[in-house]
Amino acid sequence: MAEQGRVRLKQVLFEFVRVGQVVKVNAIDPETGIEVSMVGDAKASSDTLKRLAARKLEYVIAKRLTQRGGKTGGC
């Protein structure tokens, strides 16, 4: 999964919740069960928000991999 500090996600599940002028985006890796949240401008495209949320998810998974010595665990 990790390649030179970079994580390649096979699949990401997204959830979008609009709250006024912002959108909360949840991104979940179904393989590990790791979930991240972010808030973005409601005017931004869904593709942009997906890309940013996926990058955050990749970052969190890569960080956990380095902390656990290459092992990720689900819930």
PDB file of N, CA and C in Angstrom:
ATOM      1  N   MET A   1       0.814  -1.194   0.000  1.00  0.00           N
ATOM      2  CA  MET A   1       0.000   0.000   0.000  1.00  0.00           C
ATOM      3  C   MET A   1       0.861   1.263   0.000  1.00  0.00           C
ATOM      4  N   ALA A   2       1.942   1.267   0.781  1.00  0.00           N
ATOM      5  CA  ALA A   2       2.805   2.443   0.844  1.00  0.00           C
ATOM      6  C   ALA A   2       3.966   2.291  -0.122  1.00  0.00           C
ATOM      7  N   GLU A   3       4.270   3.363  -0.799  1.00  0.00           N
ATOM      8  CA  GLU A   3       5.353   3.361  -1.779  1.00  0.00           C
ATOM      9  C   GLU A   3       6.128   4.659  -1.609  1.00  0.00           C
ATOM     10  N   GLN A   4       7.303   4.579  -1.015  1.00  0.00           N
ATOM     11  CA  GLN A   4       8.144   5.740  -0.768  1.00  0.00           C
ATOM     12  C   GLN A   4       7.386   6.841  -0.028  1.00  0.00           C
ATOM     13  N   GLY A   5       6.670   6.452   1.043  1.00  0.00           N
ATOM     14  CA  GLY A   5       5.934   7.424   1.831  1.00  0.00           C
ATOM     15  C   GLY A   5       4.605   7.828   1.227  1.00  0.00           C
ATOM     16  N   ARG A   6       4.243   7.257   0.105  1.00  0.00           N
ATOM     17  CA  ARG A   6       2.988   7.600  -0.574  1.00  0.00           C
ATOM     18  C   ARG A   6       2.026   6.418  -0.485  1.00  0.00           C
ATOM     19  N   VAL A   7       0.774   6.706  -0.196  1.00  0.00           N
ATOM     20  CA  VAL A   7      -0.242   5.669  -0.079  1.00  0.00           C
ATOM     21  C   VAL A   7      -1.128   5.708  -1.317  1.00  0.00           C
ATOM     22  N   ARG A   8      -1.411   4.552  -1.873  1.00  0.00           N
ATOM     23  CA  ARG A   8      -2.320   4.445  -3.020  1.00  0.00           C
ATOM     24  C   ARG A   8      -3.616   3.823  -2.524  1.00  0.00           C
ATOM     25  N   LEU A   9      -4.696   4.557  -2.626  1.00  0.00           N
ATOM     26  CA  LEU A   9      -5.979   4.058  -2.172  1.00  0.00           C
ATOM     27  C   LEU A   9      -6.711   3.380  -3.329  1.00  0.00           C
ATOM     28  N   LYS A  10      -7.206   2.168  -3.068  1.00  0.00           N
ATOM     29  CA  LYS A  10      -7.958   1.442  -4.094  1.00  0.00           C
ATOM     30  C   LYS A  10      -9.365   2.010  -4.236  1.00  0.00           C
ATOM     31  N   GLN A  11      -9.952   2.391  -3.109  1.00  0.00           N
ATOM     32  CA  GLN A  11     -11.324   2.881  -3.091  1.00  0.00           C
ATOM     33  C   GLN A  11     -11.472   3.857  -1.942  1.00  0.00           C
ATOM     34  N   VAL A  12     -12.273   4.895  -2.144  1.00  0.00           N
ATOM     35  CA  VAL A  12     -12.577   5.857  -1.090  1.00  0.00           C
ATOM     36  C   VAL A  12     -14.077   6.121  -1.127  1.00  0.00           C
ATOM     37  N   LEU A  13     -14.696   6.089   0.029  1.00  0.00           N
ATOM     38  CA  LEU A  13     -16.111   6.423   0.145  1.00  0.00           C
ATOM     39  C   LEU A  13     -16.212   7.867   0.632  1.00  0.00           C
ATOM     40  N   PHE A  14     -17.088   8.644   0.006  1.00  0.00           N
ATOM     41  CA  PHE A  14     -17.247  10.057   0.361  1.00  0.00           C
ATOM     42  C   PHE A  14     -18.659  10.323   0.839  1.00  0.00           C
ATOM     43  N   GLU A  15     -18.770  11.251   1.799  1.00  0.00           N
ATOM     44  CA  GLU A  15     -20.062  11.732   2.265  1.00  0.00           C
ATOM     45  C   GLU A  15     -19.978  13.258   2.293  1.00  0.00           C
ATOM     46  N   PHE A  16     -20.969  13.916   1.714  1.00  0.00           N
ATOM     47  CA  PHE A  16     -21.023  15.375   1.676  1.00  0.00           C
ATOM     48  C   PHE A  16     -22.233  15.852   2.467  1.00  0.00           C
ATOM     49  N   VAL A  17     -22.003  16.824   3.384  1.00  0.00           N
ATOM     50  CA  VAL A  17     -23.090  17.415   4.160  1.00  0.00           C
ATOM     51  C   VAL A  17     -22.933  18.927   4.085  1.00  0.00           C
ATOM     52  N   ARG A  18     -23.906  19.572   3.457  1.00  0.00           N
ATOM     53  CA  ARG A  18     -23.846  21.031   3.359  1.00  0.00           C
ATOM     54  C   ARG A  18     -24.410  21.642   4.634  1.00  0.00           C
ATOM     55  N   VAL A  19     -23.645  22.595   5.186  1.00  0.00           N
ATOM     56  CA  VAL A  19     -24.049  23.314   6.386  1.00  0.00           C
ATOM     57  C   VAL A  19     -23.852  24.794   6.093  1.00  0.00           C
ATOM     58  N   GLY A  20     -24.898  25.460   5.649  1.00  0.00           N
ATOM     59  CA  GLY A  20     -24.797  26.872   5.296  1.00  0.00           C
ATOM     60  C   GLY A  20     -23.888  27.081   4.101  1.00  0.00           C
ATOM     61  N   GLN A  21     -22.847  27.864   4.296  1.00  0.00           N
ATOM     62  CA  GLN A  21     -21.928  28.211   3.209  1.00  0.00           C
ATOM     63  C   GLN A  21     -20.748  27.249   3.079  1.00  0.00           C
ATOM     64  N   VAL A  22     -20.738  26.187   3.873  1.00  0.00           N
ATOM     65  CA  VAL A  22     -19.636  25.221   3.823  1.00  0.00           C
ATOM     66  C   VAL A  22     -20.180  23.812   3.611  1.00  0.00           C
ATOM     67  N   VAL A  23     -19.290  22.921   3.212  1.00  0.00           N
ATOM     68  CA  VAL A  23     -19.618  21.511   3.039  1.00  0.00           C
ATOM     69  C   VAL A  23     -18.648  20.701   3.880  1.00  0.00           C
ATOM     70  N   LYS A  24     -19.199  19.807   4.704  1.00  0.00           N
ATOM     71  CA  LYS A  24     -18.357  18.879   5.452  1.00  0.00           C
ATOM     72  C   LYS A  24     -18.210  17.628   4.590  1.00  0.00           C
ATOM     73  N   VAL A  25     -16.964  17.215   4.382  1.00  0.00           N
ATOM     74  CA  VAL A  25     -16.690  16.031   3.570  1.00  0.00           C
ATOM     75  C   VAL A  25     -16.018  14.982   4.457  1.00  0.00           C
ATOM     76  N   ASN A  26     -16.601  13.794   4.475  1.00  0.00           N
ATOM     77  CA  ASN A  26     -16.001  12.650   5.155  1.00  0.00           C
ATOM     78  C   ASN A  26     -15.449  11.731   4.080  1.00  0.00           C
ATOM     79  N   ALA A  27     -14.232  11.265   4.259  1.00  0.00           N
ATOM     80  CA  ALA A  27     -13.608  10.317   3.334  1.00  0.00           C
ATOM     81  C   ALA A  27     -13.214   9.089   4.140  1.00  0.00           C
ATOM     82  N   ILE A  28     -13.613   7.914   3.642  1.00  0.00           N
ATOM     83  CA  ILE A  28     -13.380   6.666   4.372  1.00  0.00           C
ATOM     84  C   ILE A  28     -12.669   5.675   3.474  1.00  0.00           C
ATOM     85  N   ASP A  29     -11.623   5.042   4.019  1.00  0.00           N
ATOM     86  CA  ASP A  29     -10.956   3.944   3.330  1.00  0.00           C
ATOM     87  C   ASP A  29     -11.603   2.656   3.832  1.00  0.00           C
ATOM     88  N   PRO A  30     -12.392   1.964   2.992  1.00  0.00           N
ATOM     89  CA  PRO A  30     -13.087   0.769   3.468  1.00  0.00           C
ATOM     90  C   PRO A  30     -12.148  -0.386   3.825  1.00  0.00           C
ATOM     91  N   GLU A  31     -10.940  -0.361   3.301  1.00  0.00           N
ATOM     92  CA  GLU A  31      -9.982  -1.430   3.591  1.00  0.00           C
ATOM     93  C   GLU A  31      -9.473  -1.362   5.025  1.00  0.00           C
ATOM     94  N   THR A  32      -9.209  -0.153   5.511  1.00  0.00           N
ATOM     95  CA  THR A  32      -8.657   0.025   6.858  1.00  0.00           C
ATOM     96  C   THR A  32      -9.688   0.539   7.858  1.00  0.00           C
ATOM     97  N   GLY A  33     -10.771   1.123   7.362  1.00  0.00           N
ATOM     98  CA  GLY A  33     -11.765   1.720   8.238  1.00  0.00           C
ATOM     99  C   GLY A  33     -11.382   3.099   8.734  1.00  0.00           C
ATOM    100  N   ILE A  34     -10.307   3.649   8.216  1.00  0.00           N
ATOM    101  CA  ILE A  34      -9.851   4.977   8.634  1.00  0.00           C
ATOM    102  C   ILE A  34     -10.711   6.031   7.953  1.00  0.00           C
ATOM    103  N   GLU A  35     -11.134   7.018   8.743  1.00  0.00           N
ATOM    104  CA  GLU A  35     -12.005   8.076   8.254  1.00  0.00           C
ATOM    105  C   GLU A  35     -11.410   9.438   8.604  1.00  0.00           C
ATOM    106  N   VAL A  36     -11.520  10.377   7.671  1.00  0.00           N
ATOM    107  CA  VAL A  36     -11.107  11.750   7.929  1.00  0.00           C
ATOM    108  C   VAL A  36     -12.256  12.675   7.547  1.00  0.00           C
ATOM    109  N   SER A  37     -12.255  13.859   8.132  1.00  0.00           N
ATOM    110  CA  SER A  37     -13.242  14.878   7.817  1.00  0.00           C
ATOM    111  C   SER A  37     -12.542  16.166   7.468  1.00  0.00           C
ATOM    112  N   MET A  38     -13.181  16.939   6.613  1.00  0.00           N
ATOM    113  CA  MET A  38     -12.680  18.266   6.280  1.00  0.00           C
ATOM    114  C   MET A  38     -13.863  19.154   5.953  1.00  0.00           C
ATOM    115  N   VAL A  39     -13.642  20.445   5.978  1.00  0.00           N
ATOM    116  CA  VAL A  39     -14.677  21.408   5.647  1.00  0.00           C
ATOM    117  C   VAL A  39     -14.169  22.250   4.493  1.00  0.00           C
ATOM    118  N   GLY A  40     -15.045  22.434   3.484  1.00  0.00           N
ATOM    119  CA  GLY A  40     -14.664  23.221   2.318  1.00  0.00           C
ATOM    120  C   GLY A  40     -15.766  24.185   1.933  1.00  0.00           C
ATOM    121  N   ASP A  41     -15.456  25.069   1.038  1.00  0.00           N
ATOM    122  CA  ASP A  41     -16.400  26.059   0.528  1.00  0.00           C
ATOM    123  C   ASP A  41     -17.492  25.362  -0.280  1.00  0.00           C
ATOM    124  N   ALA A  42     -18.736  25.710  -0.020  1.00  0.00           N
ATOM    125  CA  ALA A  42     -19.857  25.097  -0.732  1.00  0.00           C
ATOM    126  C   ALA A  42     -19.825  25.434  -2.225  1.00  0.00           C
ATOM    127  N   LYS A  43     -19.091  26.472  -2.608  1.00  0.00           N
ATOM    128  CA  LYS A  43     -18.985  26.852  -4.023  1.00  0.00           C
ATOM    129  C   LYS A  43     -17.957  26.010  -4.769  1.00  0.00           C
ATOM    130  N   ALA A  44     -17.108  25.302  -4.044  1.00  0.00           N
ATOM    131  CA  ALA A  44     -16.083  24.466  -4.678  1.00  0.00           C
ATOM    132  C   ALA A  44     -16.754  23.258  -5.332  1.00  0.00           C
ATOM    133  N   SER A  45     -16.140  22.763  -6.395  1.00  0.00           N
ATOM    134  CA  SER A  45     -16.699  21.598  -7.085  1.00  0.00           C
ATOM    135  C   SER A  45     -16.535  20.346  -6.226  1.00  0.00           C
ATOM    136  N   SER A  46     -17.408  19.374  -6.450  1.00  0.00           N
ATOM    137  CA  SER A  46     -17.311  18.128  -5.686  1.00  0.00           C
ATOM    138  C   SER A  46     -16.016  17.395  -6.015  1.00  0.00           C
ATOM    139  N   ASP A  47     -15.535  17.520  -7.259  1.00  0.00           N
ATOM    140  CA  ASP A  47     -14.256  16.893  -7.622  1.00  0.00           C
ATOM    141  C   ASP A  47     -13.101  17.482  -6.815  1.00  0.00           C
ATOM    142  N   THR A  48     -13.105  18.788  -6.646  1.00  0.00           N
ATOM    143  CA  THR A  48     -12.055  19.440  -5.858  1.00  0.00           C
ATOM    144  C   THR A  48     -12.112  18.984  -4.405  1.00  0.00           C
ATOM    145  N   LEU A  49     -13.306  18.962  -3.845  1.00  0.00           N
ATOM    146  CA  LEU A  49     -13.456  18.533  -2.450  1.00  0.00           C
ATOM    147  C   LEU A  49     -13.070  17.070  -2.276  1.00  0.00           C
ATOM    148  N   LYS A  50     -13.411  16.220  -3.238  1.00  0.00           N
ATOM    149  CA  LYS A  50     -13.024  14.808  -3.179  1.00  0.00           C
ATOM    150  C   LYS A  50     -11.513  14.655  -3.223  1.00  0.00           C
ATOM    151  N   ARG A  51     -10.867  15.411  -4.112  1.00  0.00           N
ATOM    152  CA  ARG A  51      -9.409  15.330  -4.245  1.00  0.00           C
ATOM    153  C   ARG A  51      -8.724  15.736  -2.947  1.00  0.00           C
ATOM    154  N   LEU A  52      -9.200  16.824  -2.341  1.00  0.00           N
ATOM    155  CA  LEU A  52      -8.597  17.304  -1.095  1.00  0.00           C
ATOM    156  C   LEU A  52      -8.828  16.327   0.055  1.00  0.00           C
ATOM    157  N   ALA A  53     -10.030  15.782   0.144  1.00  0.00           N
ATOM    158  CA  ALA A  53     -10.330  14.826   1.210  1.00  0.00           C
ATOM    159  C   ALA A  53      -9.522  13.541   1.031  1.00  0.00           C
ATOM    160  N   ALA A  54      -9.371  13.087  -0.212  1.00  0.00           N
ATOM    161  CA  ALA A  54      -8.579  11.880  -0.480  1.00  0.00           C
ATOM    162  C   ALA A  54      -7.115  12.109  -0.123  1.00  0.00           C
ATOM    163  N   ARG A  55      -6.588  13.304  -0.427  1.00  0.00           N
ATOM    164  CA  ARG A  55      -5.199  13.615  -0.062  1.00  0.00           C
ATOM    165  C   ARG A  55      -5.017  13.596   1.449  1.00  0.00           C
ATOM    166  N   LYS A  56      -6.003  14.135   2.180  1.00  0.00           N
ATOM    167  CA  LYS A  56      -5.912  14.116   3.642  1.00  0.00           C
ATOM    168  C   LYS A  56      -5.955  12.678   4.148  1.00  0.00           C
ATOM    169  N   LEU A  57      -6.828  11.854   3.559  1.00  0.00           N
ATOM    170  CA  LEU A  57      -6.920  10.454   3.955  1.00  0.00           C
ATOM    171  C   LEU A  57      -5.607   9.722   3.690  1.00  0.00           C
ATOM    172  N   GLU A  58      -5.002   9.966   2.534  1.00  0.00           N
ATOM    173  CA  GLU A  58      -3.698   9.363   2.218  1.00  0.00           C
ATOM    174  C   GLU A  58      -2.655   9.776   3.243  1.00  0.00           C
ATOM    175  N   TYR A  59      -2.650  11.048   3.608  1.00  0.00           N
ATOM    176  CA  TYR A  59      -1.693  11.560   4.592  1.00  0.00           C
ATOM    177  C   TYR A  59      -1.867  10.860   5.937  1.00  0.00           C
ATOM    178  N   VAL A  60      -3.112  10.740   6.402  1.00  0.00           N
ATOM    179  CA  VAL A  60      -3.378  10.125   7.707  1.00  0.00           C
ATOM    180  C   VAL A  60      -2.972   8.652   7.699  1.00  0.00           C
ATOM    181  N   ILE A  61      -3.293   7.942   6.624  1.00  0.00           N
ATOM    182  CA  ILE A  61      -2.927   6.523   6.541  1.00  0.00           C
ATOM    183  C   ILE A  61      -1.410   6.373   6.513  1.00  0.00           C
ATOM    184  N   ALA A  62      -0.719   7.197   5.718  1.00  0.00           N
ATOM    185  CA  ALA A  62       0.744   7.121   5.646  1.00  0.00           C
ATOM    186  C   ALA A  62       1.369   7.419   7.008  1.00  0.00           C
ATOM    187  N   LYS A  63       0.812   8.385   7.721  1.00  0.00           N
ATOM    188  CA  LYS A  63       1.331   8.726   9.047  1.00  0.00           C
ATOM    189  C   LYS A  63       1.152   7.559  10.008  1.00  0.00           C
ATOM    190  N   ARG A  64      -0.006   6.916   9.967  1.00  0.00           N
ATOM    191  CA  ARG A  64      -0.240   5.764  10.844  1.00  0.00           C
ATOM    192  C   ARG A  64       0.655   4.595  10.466  1.00  0.00           C
ATOM    193  N   LEU A  65       0.917   4.412   9.174  1.00  0.00           N
ATOM    194  CA  LEU A  65       1.816   3.339   8.746  1.00  0.00           C
ATOM    195  C   LEU A  65       3.214   3.531   9.326  1.00  0.00           C
ATOM    196  N   THR A  66       3.714   4.751   9.301  1.00  0.00           N
ATOM    197  CA  THR A  66       5.055   5.005   9.826  1.00  0.00           C
ATOM    198  C   THR A  66       5.088   4.870  11.343  1.00  0.00           C
ATOM    199  N   GLN A  67       3.997   5.241  12.009  1.00  0.00           N
ATOM    200  CA  GLN A  67       3.942   5.126  13.470  1.00  0.00           C
ATOM    201  C   GLN A  67       3.849   3.683  13.928  1.00  0.00           C
ATOM    202  N   ARG A  68       3.174   2.832  13.146  1.00  0.00           N
ATOM    203  CA  ARG A  68       2.968   1.433  13.528  1.00  0.00           C
ATOM    204  C   ARG A  68       3.930   0.489  12.830  1.00  0.00           C
ATOM    205  N   GLY A  69       4.860   1.011  12.110  1.00  0.00           N
ATOM    206  CA  GLY A  69       5.834   0.156  11.441  1.00  0.00           C
ATOM    207  C   GLY A  69       5.278  -0.602  10.253  1.00  0.00           C
ATOM    208  N   GLY A  70       4.315   0.019   9.550  1.00  0.00           N
ATOM    209  CA  GLY A  70       3.790  -0.601   8.337  1.00  0.00           C
ATOM    210  C   GLY A  70       2.500  -1.362   8.504  1.00  0.00           C
ATOM    211  N   LYS A  71       1.935  -1.374   9.712  1.00  0.00           N
ATOM    212  CA  LYS A  71       0.690  -2.106   9.931  1.00  0.00           C
ATOM    213  C   LYS A  71      -0.447  -1.131  10.138  1.00  0.00           C
ATOM    214  N   THR A  72      -1.529  -1.287   9.379  1.00  0.00           N
ATOM    215  CA  THR A  72      -2.733  -0.502   9.628  1.00  0.00           C
ATOM    216  C   THR A  72      -3.787  -1.445  10.166  1.00  0.00           C
ATOM    217  N   GLY A  73      -4.572  -0.935  11.049  1.00  0.00           N
ATOM    218  CA  GLY A  73      -5.634  -1.763  11.629  1.00  0.00           C
ATOM    219  C   GLY A  73      -6.965  -1.102  11.474  1.00  0.00           C
ATOM    220  N   GLY A  74      -7.968  -1.872  11.198  1.00  0.00           N
ATOM    221  CA  GLY A  74      -9.319  -1.359  11.135  1.00  0.00           C
ATOM    222  C   GLY A  74      -9.860  -1.139  12.530  1.00  0.00           C
ATOM    223  N   CYS A  75     -11.127  -0.825  12.584  1.00  0.00           N
ATOM    224  CA  CYS A  75     -11.801  -0.579  13.867  1.00  0.00           C
ATOM    225  C   CYS A  75     -11.960  -1.838  14.649  1.00  0.00           C
TER     226      CYS A  75
END
